[in-house]
Amino acid sequence: MIRRIEFPGSRPGNPLVNALVIAGGALVFAALVLFSLLAFLVVAGLVALLAAVIGVRTWWLRRRRPGTPRPRATGEVIEGEYRRVPTRGDERHAGD
């Protein structure tokens, strides 16, 4: 024996109400599809923009003049000392 579960008001007998429910459901479904398409396009646009920024940045860092070798890190430390040589402009601000 098959039992049917029915909720109150679940089966309107009016065919006009049935048509309106179907049309409303179709409109809601269409709105959800369009909204998901819009969300996908926004996310895809952001990913494309991020890829373009990273690509331009990578190109900018890797570009160099033809024939110019890139300096290589040798791991050596250059040590030295320095002295400050006074100039004429320093005498004017010595009292500050």
PDB file of N, CA and C in Angstrom:
ATOM      1  N   MET A   1       0.834  -1.176   0.000  1.00  0.00           N
ATOM      2  CA  MET A   1       0.000   0.000   0.000  1.00  0.00           C
ATOM      3  C   MET A   1       0.887   1.252   0.000  1.00  0.00           C
ATOM      4  N   ILE A   2       0.619   2.171  -0.929  1.00  0.00           N
ATOM      5  CA  ILE A   2       1.396   3.400  -1.060  1.00  0.00           C
ATOM      6  C   ILE A   2       0.642   4.519  -0.363  1.00  0.00           C
ATOM      7  N   ARG A   3       1.382   5.203   0.500  1.00  0.00           N
ATOM      8  CA  ARG A   3       0.770   6.341   1.192  1.00  0.00           C
ATOM      9  C   ARG A   3       1.279   7.633   0.573  1.00  0.00           C
ATOM     10  N   ARG A   4       0.426   8.538   0.381  1.00  0.00           N
ATOM     11  CA  ARG A   4       0.792   9.849  -0.133  1.00  0.00           C
ATOM     12  C   ARG A   4       0.794  10.835   1.013  1.00  0.00           C
ATOM     13  N   ILE A   5       1.843  11.638   1.049  1.00  0.00           N
ATOM     14  CA  ILE A   5       1.912  12.693   2.056  1.00  0.00           C
ATOM     15  C   ILE A   5       1.495  13.981   1.370  1.00  0.00           C
ATOM     16  N   GLU A   6       0.449  14.575   1.894  1.00  0.00           N
ATOM     17  CA  GLU A   6      -0.027  15.831   1.328  1.00  0.00           C
ATOM     18  C   GLU A   6      -0.043  16.893   2.407  1.00  0.00           C
ATOM     19  N   PHE A   7       0.359  18.054   2.014  1.00  0.00           N
ATOM     20  CA  PHE A   7       0.338  19.196   2.911  1.00  0.00           C
ATOM     21  C   PHE A   7      -0.880  20.043   2.588  1.00  0.00           C
ATOM     22  N   PRO A   8      -1.411  20.703   3.556  1.00  0.00           N
ATOM     23  CA  PRO A   8      -2.588  21.535   3.296  1.00  0.00           C
ATOM     24  C   PRO A   8      -2.254  22.657   2.310  1.00  0.00           C
ATOM     25  N   GLY A   9      -3.047  22.780   1.317  1.00  0.00           N
ATOM     26  CA  GLY A   9      -2.857  23.839   0.332  1.00  0.00           C
ATOM     27  C   GLY A   9      -1.789  23.529  -0.687  1.00  0.00           C
ATOM     28  N   SER A  10      -1.313  22.310  -0.781  1.00  0.00           N
ATOM     29  CA  SER A  10      -0.226  21.991  -1.691  1.00  0.00           C
ATOM     30  C   SER A  10      -0.705  21.767  -3.125  1.00  0.00           C
ATOM     31  N   ARG A  11      -1.964  21.417  -3.310  1.00  0.00           N
ATOM     32  CA  ARG A  11      -2.484  21.162  -4.658  1.00  0.00           C
ATOM     33  C   ARG A  11      -3.690  22.043  -4.935  1.00  0.00           C
ATOM     34  N   PRO A  12      -3.426  23.227  -5.425  1.00  0.00           N
ATOM     35  CA  PRO A  12      -4.588  24.055  -5.757  1.00  0.00           C
ATOM     36  C   PRO A  12      -5.285  23.482  -6.979  1.00  0.00           C
ATOM     37  N   GLY A  13      -6.584  23.507  -6.945  1.00  0.00           N
ATOM     38  CA  GLY A  13      -7.359  22.940  -8.034  1.00  0.00           C
ATOM     39  C   GLY A  13      -7.542  23.896  -9.191  1.00  0.00           C
ATOM     40  N   ASN A  14      -7.211  25.164  -8.991  1.00  0.00           N
ATOM     41  CA  ASN A  14      -7.424  26.162 -10.023  1.00  0.00           C
ATOM     42  C   ASN A  14      -6.278  26.099 -11.042  1.00  0.00           C
ATOM     43  N   PRO A  15      -6.552  25.893 -12.310  1.00  0.00           N
ATOM     44  CA  PRO A  15      -5.484  25.826 -13.309  1.00  0.00           C
ATOM     45  C   PRO A  15      -4.751  27.159 -13.497  1.00  0.00           C
ATOM     46  N   LEU A  16      -5.424  28.275 -13.263  1.00  0.00           N
ATOM     47  CA  LEU A  16      -4.767  29.578 -13.370  1.00  0.00           C
ATOM     48  C   LEU A  16      -3.703  29.725 -12.296  1.00  0.00           C
ATOM     49  N   VAL A  17      -4.006  29.262 -11.078  1.00  0.00           N
ATOM     50  CA  VAL A  17      -3.030  29.329  -9.982  1.00  0.00           C
ATOM     51  C   VAL A  17      -1.853  28.407 -10.306  1.00  0.00           C
ATOM     52  N   ASN A  18      -2.132  27.236 -10.849  1.00  0.00           N
ATOM     53  CA  ASN A  18      -1.055  26.325 -11.243  1.00  0.00           C
ATOM     54  C   ASN A  18      -0.133  26.981 -12.281  1.00  0.00           C
ATOM     55  N   ALA A  19      -0.709  27.639 -13.256  1.00  0.00           N
ATOM     56  CA  ALA A  19       0.084  28.310 -14.295  1.00  0.00           C
ATOM     57  C   ALA A  19       0.919  29.436 -13.698  1.00  0.00           C
ATOM     58  N   LEU A  20       0.335  30.193 -12.765  1.00  0.00           N
ATOM     59  CA  LEU A  20       1.087  31.278 -12.120  1.00  0.00           C
ATOM     60  C   LEU A  20       2.240  30.731 -11.282  1.00  0.00           C
ATOM     61  N   VAL A  21       2.026  29.614 -10.605  1.00  0.00           N
ATOM     62  CA  VAL A  21       3.097  29.004  -9.804  1.00  0.00           C
ATOM     63  C   VAL A  21       4.225  28.532 -10.719  1.00  0.00           C
ATOM     64  N   ILE A  22       3.879  27.921 -11.833  1.00  0.00           N
ATOM     65  CA  ILE A  22       4.900  27.456 -12.780  1.00  0.00           C
ATOM     66  C   ILE A  22       5.652  28.643 -13.370  1.00  0.00           C
ATOM     67  N   ALA A  23       4.933  29.700 -13.742  1.00  0.00           N
ATOM     68  CA  ALA A  23       5.580  30.881 -14.309  1.00  0.00           C
ATOM     69  C   ALA A  23       6.479  31.555 -13.275  1.00  0.00           C
ATOM     70  N   GLY A  24       6.004  31.645 -12.032  1.00  0.00           N
ATOM     71  CA  GLY A  24       6.826  32.232 -10.969  1.00  0.00           C
ATOM     72  C   GLY A  24       8.081  31.413 -10.707  1.00  0.00           C
ATOM     73  N   GLY A  25       7.930  30.096 -10.714  1.00  0.00           N
ATOM     74  CA  GLY A  25       9.096  29.238 -10.526  1.00  0.00           C
ATOM     75  C   GLY A  25      10.099  29.385 -11.658  1.00  0.00           C
ATOM     76  N   ALA A  26       9.586  29.512 -12.883  1.00  0.00           N
ATOM     77  CA  ALA A  26      10.478  29.702 -14.032  1.00  0.00           C
ATOM     78  C   ALA A  26      11.209  31.034 -13.938  1.00  0.00           C
ATOM     79  N   LEU A  27      10.522  32.079 -13.484  1.00  0.00           N
ATOM     80  CA  LEU A  27      11.173  33.386 -13.326  1.00  0.00           C
ATOM     81  C   LEU A  27      12.242  33.338 -12.239  1.00  0.00           C
ATOM     82  N   VAL A  28      11.949  32.687 -11.132  1.00  0.00           N
ATOM     83  CA  VAL A  28      12.940  32.565 -10.055  1.00  0.00           C
ATOM     84  C   VAL A  28      14.149  31.776 -10.546  1.00  0.00           C
ATOM     85  N   PHE A  29      13.904  30.687 -11.276  1.00  0.00           N
ATOM     86  CA  PHE A  29      15.000  29.884 -11.811  1.00  0.00           C
ATOM     87  C   PHE A  29      15.858  30.702 -12.783  1.00  0.00           C
ATOM     88  N   ALA A  30      15.217  31.462 -13.657  1.00  0.00           N
ATOM     89  CA  ALA A  30      15.952  32.295 -14.614  1.00  0.00           C
ATOM     90  C   ALA A  30      16.770  33.360 -13.892  1.00  0.00           C
ATOM     91  N   ALA A  31      16.204  33.960 -12.842  1.00  0.00           N
ATOM     92  CA  ALA A  31      16.934  34.969 -12.077  1.00  0.00           C
ATOM     93  C   ALA A  31      18.154  34.347 -11.397  1.00  0.00           C
ATOM     94  N   LEU A  32      18.004  33.151 -10.863  1.00  0.00           N
ATOM     95  CA  LEU A  32      19.139  32.484 -10.217  1.00  0.00           C
ATOM     96  C   LEU A  32      20.231  32.138 -11.220  1.00  0.00           C
ATOM     97  N   VAL A  33      19.832  31.708 -12.412  1.00  0.00           N
ATOM     98  CA  VAL A  33      20.827  31.394 -13.446  1.00  0.00           C
ATOM     99  C   VAL A  33      21.575  32.660 -13.858  1.00  0.00           C
ATOM    100  N   LEU A  34      20.850  33.755 -14.054  1.00  0.00           N
ATOM    101  CA  LEU A  34      21.503  35.008 -14.445  1.00  0.00           C
ATOM    102  C   LEU A  34      22.410  35.536 -13.336  1.00  0.00           C
ATOM    103  N   PHE A  35      21.976  35.423 -12.101  1.00  0.00           N
ATOM    104  CA  PHE A  35      22.798  35.875 -10.988  1.00  0.00           C
ATOM    105  C   PHE A  35      24.074  35.042 -10.874  1.00  0.00           C
ATOM    106  N   SER A  36      23.959  33.731 -11.059  1.00  0.00           N
ATOM    107  CA  SER A  36      25.156  32.892 -10.978  1.00  0.00           C
ATOM    108  C   SER A  36      26.102  33.183 -12.139  1.00  0.00           C
ATOM    109  N   LEU A  37      25.560  33.472 -13.323  1.00  0.00           N
ATOM    110  CA  LEU A  37      26.396  33.846 -14.460  1.00  0.00           C
ATOM    111  C   LEU A  37      27.115  35.164 -14.186  1.00  0.00           C
ATOM    112  N   LEU A  38      26.403  36.118 -13.620  1.00  0.00           N
ATOM    113  CA  LEU A  38      27.016  37.398 -13.279  1.00  0.00           C
ATOM    114  C   LEU A  38      28.123  37.211 -12.246  1.00  0.00           C
ATOM    115  N   ALA A  39      27.878  36.404 -11.219  1.00  0.00           N
ATOM    116  CA  ALA A  39      28.890  36.151 -10.198  1.00  0.00           C
ATOM    117  C   ALA A  39      30.114  35.474 -10.816  1.00  0.00           C
ATOM    118  N   PHE A  40      29.888  34.522 -11.726  1.00  0.00           N
ATOM    119  CA  PHE A  40      31.004  33.854 -12.400  1.00  0.00           C
ATOM    120  C   PHE A  40      31.815  34.849 -13.215  1.00  0.00           C
ATOM    121  N   LEU A  41      31.152  35.742 -13.934  1.00  0.00           N
ATOM    122  CA  LEU A  41      31.867  36.722 -14.751  1.00  0.00           C
ATOM    123  C   LEU A  41      32.675  37.686 -13.887  1.00  0.00           C
ATOM    124  N   VAL A  42      32.138  38.081 -12.758  1.00  0.00           N
ATOM    125  CA  VAL A  42      32.877  38.968 -11.852  1.00  0.00           C
ATOM    126  C   VAL A  42      34.122  38.264 -11.333  1.00  0.00           C
ATOM    127  N   VAL A  43      33.979  37.027 -10.877  1.00  0.00           N
ATOM    128  CA  VAL A  43      35.130  36.285 -10.356  1.00  0.00           C
ATOM    129  C   VAL A  43      36.146  36.033 -11.476  1.00  0.00           C
ATOM    130  N   ALA A  44      35.677  35.670 -12.660  1.00  0.00           N
ATOM    131  CA  ALA A  44      36.589  35.439 -13.786  1.00  0.00           C
ATOM    132  C   ALA A  44      37.320  36.727 -14.170  1.00  0.00           C
ATOM    133  N   GLY A  45      36.627  37.851 -14.114  1.00  0.00           N
ATOM    134  CA  GLY A  45      37.274  39.132 -14.404  1.00  0.00           C
ATOM    135  C   GLY A  45      38.338  39.480 -13.384  1.00  0.00           C
ATOM    136  N   LEU A  46      38.053  39.233 -12.118  1.00  0.00           N
ATOM    137  CA  LEU A  46      39.049  39.500 -11.080  1.00  0.00           C
ATOM    138  C   LEU A  46      40.271  38.596 -11.236  1.00  0.00           C
ATOM    139  N   VAL A  47      40.046  37.334 -11.573  1.00  0.00           N
ATOM    140  CA  VAL A  47      41.165  36.413 -11.792  1.00  0.00           C
ATOM    141  C   VAL A  47      41.987  36.862 -12.999  1.00  0.00           C
ATOM    142  N   ALA A  48      41.326  37.279 -14.073  1.00  0.00           N
ATOM    143  CA  ALA A  48      42.040  37.754 -15.257  1.00  0.00           C
ATOM    144  C   ALA A  48      42.831  39.027 -14.950  1.00  0.00           C
ATOM    145  N   LEU A  49      42.260  39.931 -14.181  1.00  0.00           N
ATOM    146  CA  LEU A  49      42.963  41.155 -13.801  1.00  0.00           C
ATOM    147  C   LEU A  49      44.178  40.837 -12.943  1.00  0.00           C
ATOM    148  N   LEU A  50      44.025  39.939 -11.988  1.00  0.00           N
ATOM    149  CA  LEU A  50      45.142  39.542 -11.141  1.00  0.00           C
ATOM    150  C   LEU A  50      46.239  38.876 -11.970  1.00  0.00           C
ATOM    151  N   ALA A  51      45.858  38.028 -12.921  1.00  0.00           N
ATOM    152  CA  ALA A  51      46.848  37.379 -13.784  1.00  0.00           C
ATOM    153  C   ALA A  51      47.579  38.410 -14.635  1.00  0.00           C
ATOM    154  N   ALA A  52      46.866  39.408 -15.124  1.00  0.00           N
ATOM    155  CA  ALA A  52      47.504  40.449 -15.924  1.00  0.00           C
ATOM    156  C   ALA A  52      48.487  41.262 -15.087  1.00  0.00           C
ATOM    157  N   VAL A  53      48.106  41.604 -13.872  1.00  0.00           N
ATOM    158  CA  VAL A  53      49.002  42.367 -12.987  1.00  0.00           C
ATOM    159  C   VAL A  53      50.252  41.557 -12.679  1.00  0.00           C
ATOM    160  N   ILE A  54      50.085  40.280 -12.370  1.00  0.00           N
ATOM    161  CA  ILE A  54      51.242  39.442 -12.070  1.00  0.00           C
ATOM    162  C   ILE A  54      52.112  39.272 -13.318  1.00  0.00           C
ATOM    163  N   GLY A  55      51.499  39.116 -14.484  1.00  0.00           N
ATOM    164  CA  GLY A  55      52.260  38.983 -15.719  1.00  0.00           C
ATOM    165  C   GLY A  55      53.059  40.228 -16.047  1.00  0.00           C
ATOM    166  N   VAL A  56      52.450  41.399 -15.907  1.00  0.00           N
ATOM    167  CA  VAL A  56      53.159  42.648 -16.180  1.00  0.00           C
ATOM    168  C   VAL A  56      54.281  42.845 -15.168  1.00  0.00           C
ATOM    169  N   ARG A  57      54.021  42.532 -13.932  1.00  0.00           N
ATOM    170  CA  ARG A  57      55.056  42.677 -12.898  1.00  0.00           C
ATOM    171  C   ARG A  57      56.229  41.736 -13.171  1.00  0.00           C
ATOM    172  N   THR A  58      55.938  40.505 -13.554  1.00  0.00           N
ATOM    173  CA  THR A  58      56.995  39.551 -13.872  1.00  0.00           C
ATOM    174  C   THR A  58      57.782  40.020 -15.084  1.00  0.00           C
ATOM    175  N   TRP A  59      57.091  40.497 -16.123  1.00  0.00           N
ATOM    176  CA  TRP A  59      57.776  41.015 -17.298  1.00  0.00           C
ATOM    177  C   TRP A  59      58.659  42.201 -16.931  1.00  0.00           C
ATOM    178  N   TRP A  60      58.151  43.090 -16.090  1.00  0.00           N
ATOM    179  CA  TRP A  60      58.896  44.284 -15.710  1.00  0.00           C
ATOM    180  C   TRP A  60      60.172  43.913 -14.956  1.00  0.00           C
ATOM    181  N   LEU A  61      60.088  42.916 -14.090  1.00  0.00           N
ATOM    182  CA  LEU A  61      61.268  42.524 -13.318  1.00  0.00           C
ATOM    183  C   LEU A  61      62.279  41.743 -14.164  1.00  0.00           C
ATOM    184  N   ARG A  62      61.818  41.030 -15.176  1.00  0.00           N
ATOM    185  CA  ARG A  62      62.724  40.210 -15.984  1.00  0.00           C
ATOM    186  C   ARG A  62      63.273  40.927 -17.210  1.00  0.00           C
ATOM    187  N   ARG A  63      62.721  42.069 -17.540  1.00  0.00           N
ATOM    188  CA  ARG A  63      63.190  42.723 -18.757  1.00  0.00           C
ATOM    189  C   ARG A  63      64.582  43.303 -18.508  1.00  0.00           C
ATOM    190  N   ARG A  64      65.377  43.355 -19.558  1.00  0.00           N
ATOM    191  CA  ARG A  64      66.703  43.946 -19.479  1.00  0.00           C
ATOM    192  C   ARG A  64      67.131  44.324 -20.886  1.00  0.00           C
ATOM    193  N   ARG A  65      68.153  45.125 -20.943  1.00  0.00           N
ATOM    194  CA  ARG A  65      68.650  45.519 -22.253  1.00  0.00           C
ATOM    195  C   ARG A  65      69.368  44.345 -22.887  1.00  0.00           C
ATOM    196  N   PRO A  66      69.262  44.226 -24.198  1.00  0.00           N
ATOM    197  CA  PRO A  66      69.959  43.108 -24.871  1.00  0.00           C
ATOM    198  C   PRO A  66      71.469  43.225 -24.684  1.00  0.00           C
ATOM    199  N   GLY A  67      72.105  42.123 -24.356  1.00  0.00           N
ATOM    200  CA  GLY A  67      73.554  42.094 -24.196  1.00  0.00           C
ATOM    201  C   GLY A  67      74.031  42.483 -22.816  1.00  0.00           C
ATOM    202  N   THR A  68      73.142  42.930 -21.948  1.00  0.00           N
ATOM    203  CA  THR A  68      73.553  43.304 -20.604  1.00  0.00           C
ATOM    204  C   THR A  68      73.415  42.094 -19.697  1.00  0.00           C
ATOM    205  N   PRO A  69      74.520  41.603 -19.162  1.00  0.00           N
ATOM    206  CA  PRO A  69      74.400  40.420 -18.296  1.00  0.00           C
ATOM    207  C   PRO A  69      73.780  40.794 -16.959  1.00  0.00           C
ATOM    208  N   ARG A  70      73.094  39.864 -16.421  1.00  0.00           N
ATOM    209  CA  ARG A  70      72.497  40.086 -15.103  1.00  0.00           C
ATOM    210  C   ARG A  70      73.554  39.876 -14.031  1.00  0.00           C
ATOM    211  N   PRO A  71      73.595  40.730 -13.039  1.00  0.00           N
ATOM    212  CA  PRO A  71      74.579  40.511 -11.971  1.00  0.00           C
ATOM    213  C   PRO A  71      74.214  39.263 -11.168  1.00  0.00           C
ATOM    214  N   ARG A  72      75.242  38.533 -10.820  1.00  0.00           N
ATOM    215  CA  ARG A  72      75.018  37.319 -10.040  1.00  0.00           C
ATOM    216  C   ARG A  72      75.485  37.546  -8.620  1.00  0.00           C
ATOM    217  N   ALA A  73      74.738  37.014  -7.678  1.00  0.00           N
ATOM    218  CA  ALA A  73      75.119  37.119  -6.276  1.00  0.00           C
ATOM    219  C   ALA A  73      76.228  36.116  -5.999  1.00  0.00           C
ATOM    220  N   THR A  74      77.341  36.605  -5.468  1.00  0.00           N
ATOM    221  CA  THR A  74      78.463  35.718  -5.195  1.00  0.00           C
ATOM    222  C   THR A  74      78.535  35.328  -3.731  1.00  0.00           C
ATOM    223  N   GLY A  75      77.802  36.027  -2.908  1.00  0.00           N
ATOM    224  CA  GLY A  75      77.822  35.710  -1.486  1.00  0.00           C
ATOM    225  C   GLY A  75      78.960  36.397  -0.752  1.00  0.00           C
ATOM    226  N   GLU A  76      79.713  37.281  -1.435  1.00  0.00           N
ATOM    227  CA  GLU A  76      80.808  37.986  -0.786  1.00  0.00           C
ATOM    228  C   GLU A  76      80.300  39.275  -0.169  1.00  0.00           C
ATOM    229  N   VAL A  77      80.917  39.652   0.930  1.00  0.00           N
ATOM    230  CA  VAL A  77      80.552  40.884   1.621  1.00  0.00           C
ATOM    231  C   VAL A  77      81.677  41.886   1.412  1.00  0.00           C
ATOM    232  N   ILE A  78      81.304  43.084   1.000  1.00  0.00           N
ATOM    233  CA  ILE A  78      82.299  44.138   0.818  1.00  0.00           C
ATOM    234  C   ILE A  78      82.297  44.979   2.086  1.00  0.00           C
ATOM    235  N   GLU A  79      83.453  45.046   2.727  1.00  0.00           N
ATOM    236  CA  GLU A  79      83.575  45.842   3.943  1.00  0.00           C
ATOM    237  C   GLU A  79      84.377  47.090   3.633  1.00  0.00           C
ATOM    238  N   GLY A  80      84.130  48.142   4.366  1.00  0.00           N
ATOM    239  CA  GLY A  80      84.870  49.376   4.156  1.00  0.00           C
ATOM    240  C   GLY A  80      84.538  50.392   5.219  1.00  0.00           C
ATOM    241  N   GLU A  81      85.254  51.511   5.189  1.00  0.00           N
ATOM    242  CA  GLU A  81      85.026  52.610   6.116  1.00  0.00           C
ATOM    243  C   GLU A  81      84.762  53.862   5.302  1.00  0.00           C
ATOM    244  N   TYR A  82      84.181  54.841   5.941  1.00  0.00           N
ATOM    245  CA  TYR A  82      83.943  56.090   5.249  1.00  0.00           C
ATOM    246  C   TYR A  82      84.169  57.241   6.212  1.00  0.00           C
ATOM    247  N   ARG A  83      84.495  58.394   5.629  1.00  0.00           N
ATOM    248  CA  ARG A  83      84.626  59.627   6.395  1.00  0.00           C
ATOM    249  C   ARG A  83      83.764  60.673   5.734  1.00  0.00           C
ATOM    250  N   ARG A  84      83.170  61.512   6.550  1.00  0.00           N
ATOM    251  CA  ARG A  84      82.331  62.583   6.030  1.00  0.00           C
ATOM    252  C   ARG A  84      83.218  63.790   5.800  1.00  0.00           C
ATOM    253  N   VAL A  85      83.196  64.270   4.583  1.00  0.00           N
ATOM    254  CA  VAL A  85      84.003  65.427   4.224  1.00  0.00           C
ATOM    255  C   VAL A  85      83.114  66.653   4.322  1.00  0.00           C
ATOM    256  N   PRO A  86      83.472  67.609   5.186  1.00  0.00           N
ATOM    257  CA  PRO A  86      82.622  68.800   5.333  1.00  0.00           C
ATOM    258  C   PRO A  86      82.669  69.652   4.064  1.00  0.00           C
ATOM    259  N   THR A  87      81.533  70.253   3.760  1.00  0.00           N
ATOM    260  CA  THR A  87      81.444  71.169   2.623  1.00  0.00           C
ATOM    261  C   THR A  87      81.089  72.551   3.137  1.00  0.00           C
ATOM    262  N   ARG A  88      81.037  73.520   2.236  1.00  0.00           N
ATOM    263  CA  ARG A  88      80.721  74.889   2.657  1.00  0.00           C
ATOM    264  C   ARG A  88      79.329  74.991   3.256  1.00  0.00           C
ATOM    265  N   GLY A  89      78.403  74.218   2.776  1.00  0.00           N
ATOM    266  CA  GLY A  89      77.047  74.268   3.306  1.00  0.00           C
ATOM    267  C   GLY A  89      76.959  73.732   4.728  1.00  0.00           C
ATOM    268  N   ASP A  90      77.878  72.854   5.136  1.00  0.00           N
ATOM    269  CA  ASP A  90      77.864  72.307   6.482  1.00  0.00           C
ATOM    270  C   ASP A  90      78.255  73.337   7.518  1.00  0.00           C
ATOM    271  N   GLU A  91      79.109  74.283   7.173  1.00  0.00           N
ATOM    272  CA  GLU A  91      79.538  75.321   8.121  1.00  0.00           C
ATOM    273  C   GLU A  91      78.376  76.210   8.527  1.00  0.00           C
ATOM    274  N   ARG A  92      77.470  76.434   7.604  1.00  0.00           N
ATOM    275  CA  ARG A  92      76.340  77.304   7.864  1.00  0.00           C
ATOM    276  C   ARG A  92      75.388  76.659   8.876  1.00  0.00           C
ATOM    277  N   HIS A  93      75.218  75.335   8.881  1.00  0.00           N
ATOM    278  CA  HIS A  93      74.291  74.637   9.754  1.00  0.00           C
ATOM    279  C   HIS A  93      74.965  74.012  10.960  1.00  0.00           C
ATOM    280  N   ALA A  94      76.230  74.346  11.219  1.00  0.00           N
ATOM    281  CA  ALA A  94      76.956  73.716  12.321  1.00  0.00           C
ATOM    282  C   ALA A  94      76.384  74.132  13.668  1.00  0.00           C
ATOM    283  N   GLY A  95      75.767  75.273  13.773  1.00  0.00           N
ATOM    284  CA  GLY A  95      75.251  75.758  15.045  1.00  0.00           C
ATOM    285  C   GLY A  95      73.884  75.227  15.382  1.00  0.00           C
ATOM    286  N   ASP A  96      73.236  74.487  14.512  1.00  0.00           N
ATOM    287  CA  ASP A  96      71.864  73.998  14.740  1.00  0.00           C
ATOM    288  C   ASP A  96      71.819  72.930  15.777  1.00  0.00           C
TER     289      ASP A  96
END
